[in-house]
All heavy atoms as atom14 arrays in JSON, in Angstrom:
{
  "sequence": "AVVVFNVMAHKKQNMDPVQIDAVLWTPQRCVAIEVKGF",
  "atom14_mask": [
    [1, 1, 1, 1, 1, 0, 0, 0, 0, 0, 0, 0, 0, 0],
    [1, 1, 1, 1, 1, 1, 1, 0, 0, 0, 0, 0, 0, 0],
    [1, 1, 1, 1, 1, 1, 1, 0, 0, 0, 0, 0, 0, 0],
    [1, 1, 1, 1, 1, 1, 1, 0, 0, 0, 0, 0, 0, 0],
    [1, 1, 1, 1, 1, 1, 1, 1, 1, 1, 1, 0, 0, 0],
    [1, 1, 1, 1, 1, 1, 1, 1, 0, 0, 0, 0, 0, 0],
    [1, 1, 1, 1, 1, 1, 1, 0, 0, 0, 0, 0, 0, 0],
    [1, 1, 1, 1, 1, 1, 1, 1, 0, 0, 0, 0, 0, 0],
    [1, 1, 1, 1, 1, 0, 0, 0, 0, 0, 0, 0, 0, 0],
    [1, 1, 1, 1, 1, 1, 1, 1, 1, 1, 0, 0, 0, 0],
    [1, 1, 1, 1, 1, 1, 1, 1, 1, 0, 0, 0, 0, 0],
    [1, 1, 1, 1, 1, 1, 1, 1, 1, 0, 0, 0, 0, 0],
    [1, 1, 1, 1, 1, 1, 1, 1, 1, 0, 0, 0, 0, 0],
    [1, 1, 1, 1, 1, 1, 1, 1, 0, 0, 0, 0, 0, 0],
    [1, 1, 1, 1, 1, 1, 1, 1, 0, 0, 0, 0, 0, 0],
    [1, 1, 1, 1, 1, 1, 1, 1, 0, 0, 0, 0, 0, 0],
    [1, 1, 1, 1, 1, 1, 1, 0, 0, 0, 0, 0, 0, 0],
    [1, 1, 1, 1, 1, 1, 1, 0, 0, 0, 0, 0, 0, 0],
    [1, 1, 1, 1, 1, 1, 1, 1, 1, 0, 0, 0, 0, 0],
    [1, 1, 1, 1, 1, 1, 1, 1, 0, 0, 0, 0, 0, 0],
    [1, 1, 1, 1, 1, 1, 1, 1, 0, 0, 0, 0, 0, 0],
    [1, 1, 1, 1, 1, 0, 0, 0, 0, 0, 0, 0, 0, 0],
    [1, 1, 1, 1, 1, 1, 1, 0, 0, 0, 0, 0, 0, 0],
    [1, 1, 1, 1, 1, 1, 1, 1, 0, 0, 0, 0, 0, 0],
    [1, 1, 1, 1, 1, 1, 1, 1, 1, 1, 1, 1, 1, 1],
    [1, 1, 1, 1, 1, 1, 1, 0, 0, 0, 0, 0, 0, 0],
    [1, 1, 1, 1, 1, 1, 1, 0, 0, 0, 0, 0, 0, 0],
    [1, 1, 1, 1, 1, 1, 1, 1, 1, 0, 0, 0, 0, 0],
    [1, 1, 1, 1, 1, 1, 1, 1, 1, 1, 1, 0, 0, 0],
    [1, 1, 1, 1, 1, 1, 0, 0, 0, 0, 0, 0, 0, 0],
    [1, 1, 1, 1, 1, 1, 1, 0, 0, 0, 0, 0, 0, 0],
    [1, 1, 1, 1, 1, 0, 0, 0, 0, 0, 0, 0, 0, 0],
    [1, 1, 1, 1, 1, 1, 1, 1, 0, 0, 0, 0, 0, 0],
    [1, 1, 1, 1, 1, 1, 1, 1, 1, 0, 0, 0, 0, 0],
    [1, 1, 1, 1, 1, 1, 1, 0, 0, 0, 0, 0, 0, 0],
    [1, 1, 1, 1, 1, 1, 1, 1, 1, 0, 0, 0, 0, 0],
    [1, 1, 1, 1, 0, 0, 0, 0, 0, 0, 0, 0, 0, 0],
    [1, 1, 1, 1, 1, 1, 1, 1, 1, 1, 1, 0, 0, 0]
  ],
  "atom14_positions": [
    [[0.84, -1.19, -0.01], [-0.03, -0.02, 0.01], [0.89, 1.27, 0.03], [2.01, 1.21, 0.47], [-0.96, 0.02, 1.19], [0.0, 0.0, 0.0], [0.0, 0.0, 0.0], [0.0, 0.0, 0.0], [0.0, 0.0, 0.0], [0.0, 0.0, 0.0], [0.0, 0.0, 0.0], [0.0, 0.0, 0.0], [0.0, 0.0, 0.0], [0.0, 0.0, 0.0]],
    [[0.4, 2.29, -0.53], [1.04, 3.64, -0.54], [0.06, 4.63, 0.03], [-1.09, 4.63, -0.42], [1.48, 3.98, -2.01], [2.02, 5.41, -2.01], [2.49, 2.99, -2.54], [0.0, 0.0, 0.0], [0.0, 0.0, 0.0], [0.0, 0.0, 0.0], [0.0, 0.0, 0.0], [0.0, 0.0, 0.0], [0.0, 0.0, 0.0], [0.0, 0.0, 0.0]],
    [[0.56, 5.5, 0.89], [-0.24, 6.62, 1.4], [0.46, 7.91, 1.15], [1.67, 7.98, 1.36], [-0.66, 6.39, 2.89], [0.55, 6.39, 3.77], [-1.68, 7.39, 3.3], [0.0, 0.0, 0.0], [0.0, 0.0, 0.0], [0.0, 0.0, 0.0], [0.0, 0.0, 0.0], [0.0, 0.0, 0.0], [0.0, 0.0, 0.0], [0.0, 0.0, 0.0]],
    [[-0.32, 8.92, 0.71], [0.26, 10.23, 0.44], [-0.51, 11.19, 1.32], [-1.8, 11.13, 1.3], [0.19, 10.64, -1.03], [0.73, 12.02, -1.21], [0.98, 9.65, -1.88], [0.0, 0.0, 0.0], [0.0, 0.0, 0.0], [0.0, 0.0, 0.0], [0.0, 0.0, 0.0], [0.0, 0.0, 0.0], [0.0, 0.0, 0.0], [0.0, 0.0, 0.0]],
    [[0.11, 12.07, 2.09], [-0.6, 13.03, 2.92], [-0.64, 14.46, 2.35], [0.18, 14.82, 1.52], [0.12, 13.09, 4.32], [0.12, 11.75, 5.02], [1.21, 10.86, 4.91], [-0.99, 11.39, 5.82], [1.16, 9.7, 5.56], [-0.96, 10.21, 6.49], [0.07, 9.3, 6.36], [0.0, 0.0, 0.0], [0.0, 0.0, 0.0], [0.0, 0.0, 0.0]],
    [[-1.68, 15.16, 2.78], [-1.96, 16.55, 2.38], [-1.93, 16.7, 0.85], [-1.21, 17.47, 0.29], [-0.9, 17.5, 3.02], [-1.36, 18.89, 3.02], [-2.47, 19.18, 2.95], [-0.38, 19.8, 3.03], [0.0, 0.0, 0.0], [0.0, 0.0, 0.0], [0.0, 0.0, 0.0], [0.0, 0.0, 0.0], [0.0, 0.0, 0.0], [0.0, 0.0, 0.0]],
    [[-2.91, 16.03, 0.26], [-3.0, 16.01, -1.25], [-3.89, 17.14, -1.72], [-4.98, 17.33, -1.21], [-3.56, 14.67, -1.68], [-3.83, 14.63, -3.19], [-2.69, 13.52, -1.22], [0.0, 0.0, 0.0], [0.0, 0.0, 0.0], [0.0, 0.0, 0.0], [0.0, 0.0, 0.0], [0.0, 0.0, 0.0], [0.0, 0.0, 0.0], [0.0, 0.0, 0.0]],
    [[-3.42, 17.87, -2.72], [-4.26, 18.89, -3.33], [-4.77, 18.29, -4.66], [-4.0, 17.93, -5.49], [-3.45, 20.13, -3.6], [-2.9, 20.78, -2.32], [-4.11, 21.15, -1.16], [-4.82, 22.67, -1.77], [0.0, 0.0, 0.0], [0.0, 0.0, 0.0], [0.0, 0.0, 0.0], [0.0, 0.0, 0.0], [0.0, 0.0, 0.0], [0.0, 0.0, 0.0]],
    [[-6.11, 18.29, -4.77], [-6.7, 17.61, -5.98], [-7.61, 18.59, -6.7], [-8.23, 19.45, -6.06], [-7.49, 16.34, -5.5], [0.0, 0.0, 0.0], [0.0, 0.0, 0.0], [0.0, 0.0, 0.0], [0.0, 0.0, 0.0], [0.0, 0.0, 0.0], [0.0, 0.0, 0.0], [0.0, 0.0, 0.0], [0.0, 0.0, 0.0], [0.0, 0.0, 0.0]],
    [[-7.69, 18.43, -8.03], [-8.59, 19.19, -8.82], [-9.63, 18.32, -9.51], [-9.27, 17.26, -10.02], [-7.78, 19.93, -9.93], [-6.83, 20.9, -9.41], [-7.17, 22.27, -9.27], [-5.52, 20.75, -9.04], [-6.04, 22.92, -8.78], [-5.12, 22.02, -8.62], [0.0, 0.0, 0.0], [0.0, 0.0, 0.0], [0.0, 0.0, 0.0], [0.0, 0.0, 0.0]],
    [[-10.87, 18.78, -9.62], [-11.89, 18.0, -10.27], [-11.82, 18.36, -11.74], [-11.92, 17.52, -12.63], [-13.3, 18.28, -9.69], [-14.36, 17.46, -10.39], [-15.66, 17.66, -9.76], [-16.77, 16.84, -10.48], [-18.05, 17.1, -9.91], [0.0, 0.0, 0.0], [0.0, 0.0, 0.0], [0.0, 0.0, 0.0], [0.0, 0.0, 0.0], [0.0, 0.0, 0.0]],
    [[-11.7, 19.65, -12.05], [-11.66, 20.2, -13.41], [-10.67, 21.28, -13.44], [-10.26, 21.87, -12.41], [-12.97, 20.77, -13.8], [-14.11, 19.76, -13.91], [-15.4, 20.45, -14.35], [-16.55, 19.46, -14.4], [-17.8, 20.08, -14.77], [0.0, 0.0, 0.0], [0.0, 0.0, 0.0], [0.0, 0.0, 0.0], [0.0, 0.0, 0.0], [0.0, 0.0, 0.0]],
    [[-10.16, 21.57, -14.61], [-9.18, 22.63, -14.8], [-9.87, 23.94, -14.37], [-11.09, 24.1, -14.48], [-8.74, 22.73, -16.28], [-7.86, 21.6, -16.7], [-7.38, 21.84, -18.11], [-7.93, 22.54, -18.88], [-6.25, 21.19, -18.4], [0.0, 0.0, 0.0], [0.0, 0.0, 0.0], [0.0, 0.0, 0.0], [0.0, 0.0, 0.0], [0.0, 0.0, 0.0]],
    [[-9.07, 24.86, -13.92], [-9.51, 26.2, -13.51], [-10.39, 26.18, -12.31], [-11.13, 27.19, -12.08], [-10.17, 26.95, -14.66], [-9.29, 27.06, -15.86], [-8.08, 27.26, -15.72], [-9.85, 26.97, -17.04], [0.0, 0.0, 0.0], [0.0, 0.0, 0.0], [0.0, 0.0, 0.0], [0.0, 0.0, 0.0], [0.0, 0.0, 0.0], [0.0, 0.0, 0.0]],
    [[-10.44, 25.14, -11.52], [-11.19, 25.11, -10.24], [-10.21, 25.15, -9.16], [-9.05, 24.71, -9.21], [-11.97, 23.82, -10.14], [-13.22, 23.76, -11.11], [-14.19, 22.31, -10.9], [-14.87, 22.65, -9.17], [0.0, 0.0, 0.0], [0.0, 0.0, 0.0], [0.0, 0.0, 0.0], [0.0, 0.0, 0.0], [0.0, 0.0, 0.0], [0.0, 0.0, 0.0]],
    [[-10.67, 25.74, -8.02], [-9.81, 25.76, -6.83], [-9.54, 24.28, -6.35], [-10.43, 23.47, -6.46], [-10.54, 26.51, -5.67], [-10.56, 27.99, -5.96], [-9.7, 28.53, -6.7], [-11.47, 28.64, -5.34], [0.0, 0.0, 0.0], [0.0, 0.0, 0.0], [0.0, 0.0, 0.0], [0.0, 0.0, 0.0], [0.0, 0.0, 0.0], [0.0, 0.0, 0.0]],
    [[-8.37, 24.05, -5.87], [-8.07, 22.69, -5.45], [-8.83, 22.31, -4.16], [-9.21, 23.18, -3.43], [-6.55, 22.64, -5.28], [-6.19, 24.08, -4.99], [-7.23, 24.87, -5.77], [0.0, 0.0, 0.0], [0.0, 0.0, 0.0], [0.0, 0.0, 0.0], [0.0, 0.0, 0.0], [0.0, 0.0, 0.0], [0.0, 0.0, 0.0], [0.0, 0.0, 0.0]],
    [[-8.91, 21.02, -3.99], [-9.55, 20.47, -2.74], [-8.41, 19.78, -1.95], [-7.65, 19.04, -2.6], [-10.63, 19.44, -3.1], [-11.21, 18.79, -1.81], [-11.78, 20.12, -3.81], [0.0, 0.0, 0.0], [0.0, 0.0, 0.0], [0.0, 0.0, 0.0], [0.0, 0.0, 0.0], [0.0, 0.0, 0.0], [0.0, 0.0, 0.0], [0.0, 0.0, 0.0]],
    [[-8.27, 20.1, -0.67], [-7.21, 19.46, 0.11], [-7.78, 18.26, 0.77], [-8.82, 18.26, 1.4], [-6.77, 20.55, 1.18], [-5.58, 20.02, 1.95], [-5.94, 19.31, 3.24], [-7.01, 19.4, 3.77], [-5.01, 18.44, 3.68], [0.0, 0.0, 0.0], [0.0, 0.0, 0.0], [0.0, 0.0, 0.0], [0.0, 0.0, 0.0], [0.0, 0.0, 0.0]],
    [[-7.04, 17.13, 0.59], [-7.49, 15.82, 1.22], [-6.32, 15.46, 2.2], [-5.14, 15.54, 1.81], [-7.61, 14.76, 0.13], [-8.65, 15.19, -0.9], [-7.96, 13.43, 0.73], [-8.73, 14.31, -2.13], [0.0, 0.0, 0.0], [0.0, 0.0, 0.0], [0.0, 0.0, 0.0], [0.0, 0.0, 0.0], [0.0, 0.0, 0.0], [0.0, 0.0, 0.0]],
    [[-6.69, 15.06, 3.42], [-5.63, 14.8, 4.39], [-4.72, 13.64, 3.98], [-3.52, 13.69, 4.22], [-6.28, 14.52, 5.77], [-6.93, 15.69, 6.37], [-6.55, 16.84, 5.96], [-7.75, 15.6, 7.25], [0.0, 0.0, 0.0], [0.0, 0.0, 0.0], [0.0, 0.0, 0.0], [0.0, 0.0, 0.0], [0.0, 0.0, 0.0], [0.0, 0.0, 0.0]],
    [[-5.28, 12.58, 3.39], [-4.48, 11.43, 2.94], [-5.17, 10.74, 1.84], [-6.4, 10.65, 1.8], [-4.19, 10.54, 4.12], [0.0, 0.0, 0.0], [0.0, 0.0, 0.0], [0.0, 0.0, 0.0], [0.0, 0.0, 0.0], [0.0, 0.0, 0.0], [0.0, 0.0, 0.0], [0.0, 0.0, 0.0], [0.0, 0.0, 0.0], [0.0, 0.0, 0.0]],
    [[-4.42, 10.14, 0.94], [-4.94, 9.2, -0.1], [-4.19, 7.94, 0.06], [-2.97, 7.91, 0.07], [-4.78, 9.77, -1.43], [-5.28, 8.81, -2.53], [-5.52, 11.11, -1.61], [0.0, 0.0, 0.0], [0.0, 0.0, 0.0], [0.0, 0.0, 0.0], [0.0, 0.0, 0.0], [0.0, 0.0, 0.0], [0.0, 0.0, 0.0], [0.0, 0.0, 0.0]],
    [[-4.86, 6.79, 0.23], [-4.36, 5.44, 0.4], [-4.62, 4.69, -0.85], [-5.77, 4.57, -1.32], [-5.0, 4.78, 1.62], [-4.67, 3.29, 1.81], [-3.24, 3.16, 2.23], [-5.62, 2.74, 2.84], [0.0, 0.0, 0.0], [0.0, 0.0, 0.0], [0.0, 0.0, 0.0], [0.0, 0.0, 0.0], [0.0, 0.0, 0.0], [0.0, 0.0, 0.0]],
    [[-3.56, 4.13, -1.49], [-3.65, 3.24, -2.65], [-3.28, 1.85, -2.21], [-2.24, 1.62, -1.62], [-2.78, 3.68, -3.75], [-3.19, 4.83, -4.57], [-4.1, 4.9, -5.59], [-2.76, 6.22, -4.38], [-4.26, 6.16, -6.07], [-3.43, 6.98, -5.33], [-1.89, 6.86, -3.51], [-3.29, 8.37, -5.48], [-1.75, 8.25, -3.61], [-2.43, 8.96, -4.59]],
    [[-4.12, 0.88, -2.58], [-3.76, -0.55, -2.4], [-4.02, -1.21, -3.77], [-4.59, -0.56, -4.72], [-4.67, -1.24, -1.39], [-5.97, -1.39, -1.95], [-4.75, -0.42, -0.06], [0.0, 0.0, 0.0], [0.0, 0.0, 0.0], [0.0, 0.0, 0.0], [0.0, 0.0, 0.0], [0.0, 0.0, 0.0], [0.0, 0.0, 0.0], [0.0, 0.0, 0.0]],
    [[-3.67, -2.47, -3.92], [-3.96, -3.1, -5.21], [-5.45, -3.26, -5.52], [-5.87, -3.36, -6.6], [-3.35, -4.54, -5.01], [-2.22, -4.34, -4.03], [-2.76, -3.28, -3.12], [0.0, 0.0, 0.0], [0.0, 0.0, 0.0], [0.0, 0.0, 0.0], [0.0, 0.0, 0.0], [0.0, 0.0, 0.0], [0.0, 0.0, 0.0], [0.0, 0.0, 0.0]],
    [[-6.24, -3.12, -4.43], [-7.76, -3.28, -4.63], [-8.48, -1.98, -4.75], [-9.56, -1.94, -5.37], [-8.35, -4.06, -3.41], [-7.94, -5.46, -3.28], [-6.56, -5.61, -2.65], [-6.11, -4.75, -1.91], [-5.85, -6.7, -2.93], [0.0, 0.0, 0.0], [0.0, 0.0, 0.0], [0.0, 0.0, 0.0], [0.0, 0.0, 0.0], [0.0, 0.0, 0.0]],
    [[-7.96, -0.83, -4.24], [-8.78, 0.38, -4.17], [-7.9, 1.59, -3.89], [-6.76, 1.55, -3.53], [-9.85, 0.26, -3.13], [-9.34, 0.07, -1.69], [-10.39, -0.26, -0.65], [-11.22, -1.32, -1.1], [-11.12, -2.58, -0.74], [-10.2, -2.98, 0.06], [-11.91, -3.56, -1.15], [0.0, 0.0, 0.0], [0.0, 0.0, 0.0], [0.0, 0.0, 0.0]],
    [[-8.59, 2.73, -4.05], [-7.95, 4.01, -3.67], [-8.99, 4.73, -2.74], [-10.14, 4.78, -3.04], [-7.78, 4.92, -4.9], [-7.14, 6.56, -4.54], [0.0, 0.0, 0.0], [0.0, 0.0, 0.0], [0.0, 0.0, 0.0], [0.0, 0.0, 0.0], [0.0, 0.0, 0.0], [0.0, 0.0, 0.0], [0.0, 0.0, 0.0], [0.0, 0.0, 0.0]],
    [[-8.51, 5.23, -1.61], [-9.34, 5.72, -0.54], [-8.89, 7.21, -0.17], [-7.71, 7.37, 0.16], [-9.35, 4.86, 0.72], [-10.26, 5.42, 1.75], [-9.76, 3.48, 0.39], [0.0, 0.0, 0.0], [0.0, 0.0, 0.0], [0.0, 0.0, 0.0], [0.0, 0.0, 0.0], [0.0, 0.0, 0.0], [0.0, 0.0, 0.0], [0.0, 0.0, 0.0]],
    [[-9.8, 8.09, -0.22], [-9.5, 9.49, 0.31], [-9.82, 9.48, 1.75], [-10.89, 9.12, 2.18], [-10.35, 10.52, -0.43], [0.0, 0.0, 0.0], [0.0, 0.0, 0.0], [0.0, 0.0, 0.0], [0.0, 0.0, 0.0], [0.0, 0.0, 0.0], [0.0, 0.0, 0.0], [0.0, 0.0, 0.0], [0.0, 0.0, 0.0], [0.0, 0.0, 0.0]],
    [[-8.96, 9.98, 2.55], [-9.09, 9.99, 4.07], [-9.09, 11.48, 4.51], [-8.23, 12.21, 4.27], [-7.98, 9.21, 4.7], [-7.92, 7.81, 4.21], [-8.11, 9.29, 6.25], [-6.71, 7.03, 4.56], [0.0, 0.0, 0.0], [0.0, 0.0, 0.0], [0.0, 0.0, 0.0], [0.0, 0.0, 0.0], [0.0, 0.0, 0.0], [0.0, 0.0, 0.0]],
    [[-10.17, 11.83, 5.23], [-10.24, 13.14, 5.89], [-10.33, 12.93, 7.38], [-11.11, 12.15, 7.91], [-11.53, 13.86, 5.42], [-11.73, 15.2, 6.0], [-10.71, 16.21, 5.41], [-10.15, 15.99, 4.34], [-10.43, 17.18, 6.16], [0.0, 0.0, 0.0], [0.0, 0.0, 0.0], [0.0, 0.0, 0.0], [0.0, 0.0, 0.0], [0.0, 0.0, 0.0]],
    [[-9.35, 13.46, 8.07], [-9.18, 13.31, 9.53], [-9.81, 14.49, 10.26], [-9.55, 15.63, 9.94], [-7.7, 13.11, 9.9], [-7.6, 12.94, 11.4], [-7.06, 11.94, 9.11], [0.0, 0.0, 0.0], [0.0, 0.0, 0.0], [0.0, 0.0, 0.0], [0.0, 0.0, 0.0], [0.0, 0.0, 0.0], [0.0, 0.0, 0.0], [0.0, 0.0, 0.0]],
    [[-10.65, 14.17, 11.21], [-11.29, 15.18, 12.0], [-11.03, 14.86, 13.5], [-11.02, 13.67, 13.86], [-12.84, 15.26, 11.8], [-13.19, 15.75, 10.43], [-12.76, 17.2, 10.36], [-13.13, 17.74, 8.97], [-12.27, 18.88, 8.62], [0.0, 0.0, 0.0], [0.0, 0.0, 0.0], [0.0, 0.0, 0.0], [0.0, 0.0, 0.0], [0.0, 0.0, 0.0]],
    [[-10.88, 15.88, 14.28], [-10.73, 15.76, 15.71], [-11.93, 16.28, 16.46], [-12.62, 17.22, 16.03], [0.0, 0.0, 0.0], [0.0, 0.0, 0.0], [0.0, 0.0, 0.0], [0.0, 0.0, 0.0], [0.0, 0.0, 0.0], [0.0, 0.0, 0.0], [0.0, 0.0, 0.0], [0.0, 0.0, 0.0], [0.0, 0.0, 0.0], [0.0, 0.0, 0.0]],
    [[-12.15, 15.7, 17.63], [-13.23, 16.23, 18.48], [-12.74, 17.44, 19.23], [-11.62, 17.6, 19.59], [-13.65, 15.17, 19.56], [-14.44, 14.09, 18.94], [-13.81, 12.84, 18.47], [-15.83, 14.19, 18.79], [-14.58, 11.85, 17.93], [-16.53, 13.17, 18.21], [-15.94, 11.99, 17.77], [0.0, 0.0, 0.0], [0.0, 0.0, 0.0], [0.0, 0.0, 0.0]]
  ]
}
């Protein structure tokens, strides 16, 4: 598995990026992870 933290992603060109806390890639799937604290 590979995990990358603090990822800036774009849905379309010329759009503001979306910050994702972590993206996890495995041979089976890709998961976006957003971490929240109480």
